[in-house]
Amino acid sequence: MKAVPHPLRGYFYIGGAALFWGIAATLGRAAFTGRLLPGGALRAIDPLILSQSRATLSLAVLLPVLLMRRGATALRVPGRDLLRLFLLGILGVAASNYLYYLAIQRTNVATAIILQYTAPVWVLLYTVARGARRPSLRRTAAVGLAVVGCALAVGFVGSGGLRLDTIGVIAALLAAFSFAFYNVGGHSVLARYDRWKVLLWVLGATSTFWIFVNPPWKIIAAHYGREQWAFMLVFSLISVLGPFSCYFAGLQHLEPTRAIVASCLEPVFSILIAAIALGELLRPFQTAGIVLVLVAIVLIQLPERVARDVELVVEPME
């Protein structure tokens, strides 16, 4: 029997996912620069290989566990839903990740994050257009506060702002669409399947995508040692397996707009963790951004005044 959605539990799961991603952001910076933590060193890892390995290694950990606990038969899904899951993995998870790193490469972190975190706007517009949600001042204000809060938190004001590059900007916006896509599509699929089955097939699709983008012989040619592979394994658990299991669990309890606004905690946690672990200075504008994100999350979870007989759910994607 499927669990009854519980909003507070959903926010707890989404917050856990954001915390995982915040820790992963700090570790990812260490991997790209070769500086692990104060007093430690690590040979720099190519961002493309790190992105690929985190999905593939997560799949390598999850698959045998589910096979032992449930068996292959219990993990099967009908062909139509299998196509949906592969679309979620390729056009959602893999595409958002790949395009996000491309945006960082062509612009900067602030530009990539603020454009990617316009995703709550696209989710809100989609749910309103499909008639799944009525537009309300409170919901619109919450989405707007979340976007502005992310912009301030990542240093959009007072540290160079946006760095425009046509390809980079397009990549960041497409990453936002991909992020919005797997929030809406994931919510509808998770209404029928448990999160572990969904996560398994999404990771399978993502790993397949990465094989075509970056074939195995290119990874072998990088000649990474045991330290790098150990780091990538830990990174995969922290940046993919842990957070996506939490995020998909959250989507089972929250509709997409609320879930994606709550996900704006990711840059908040990234900033706070960097300040604690790496001693980075937290500027006043960043503090203001963190406050705005928290206000947005509180605002959007407040109950809407709607008729009791109106069921507001997201329609399954066709």
Foldseek 3Di string as FASTA:
>chain_A
DDDAFDQVLLLVLLLQLLLLLLVLVLQLVCQQVQNRFVPDGGDHDDLLVLLLLLLVLLLVVLVVVCCVVPNPVVLDDDPVVLVLLLCLLVQAVQLLSVLLVVLCVQWNNLLLFLLLLLLLVVLVVVLCVVVLDPDDPLLVLLSVLLSLLLNLQVPLPPPVHTGDDPSSSVSSNSSNVSNNVSLLQLLQSCLPDPQSSSLNSSSVSNNVNSCVVQPPVNVVVVVDDPVVVVSSSVSSVSNPVSSSNSLSVSSPNDRRSLSSLSNSCNSVSNSVCCCVRVVDDRDPSSVVSNVSSVVSNVSNPPDDDDDPPDNRHRDHDD
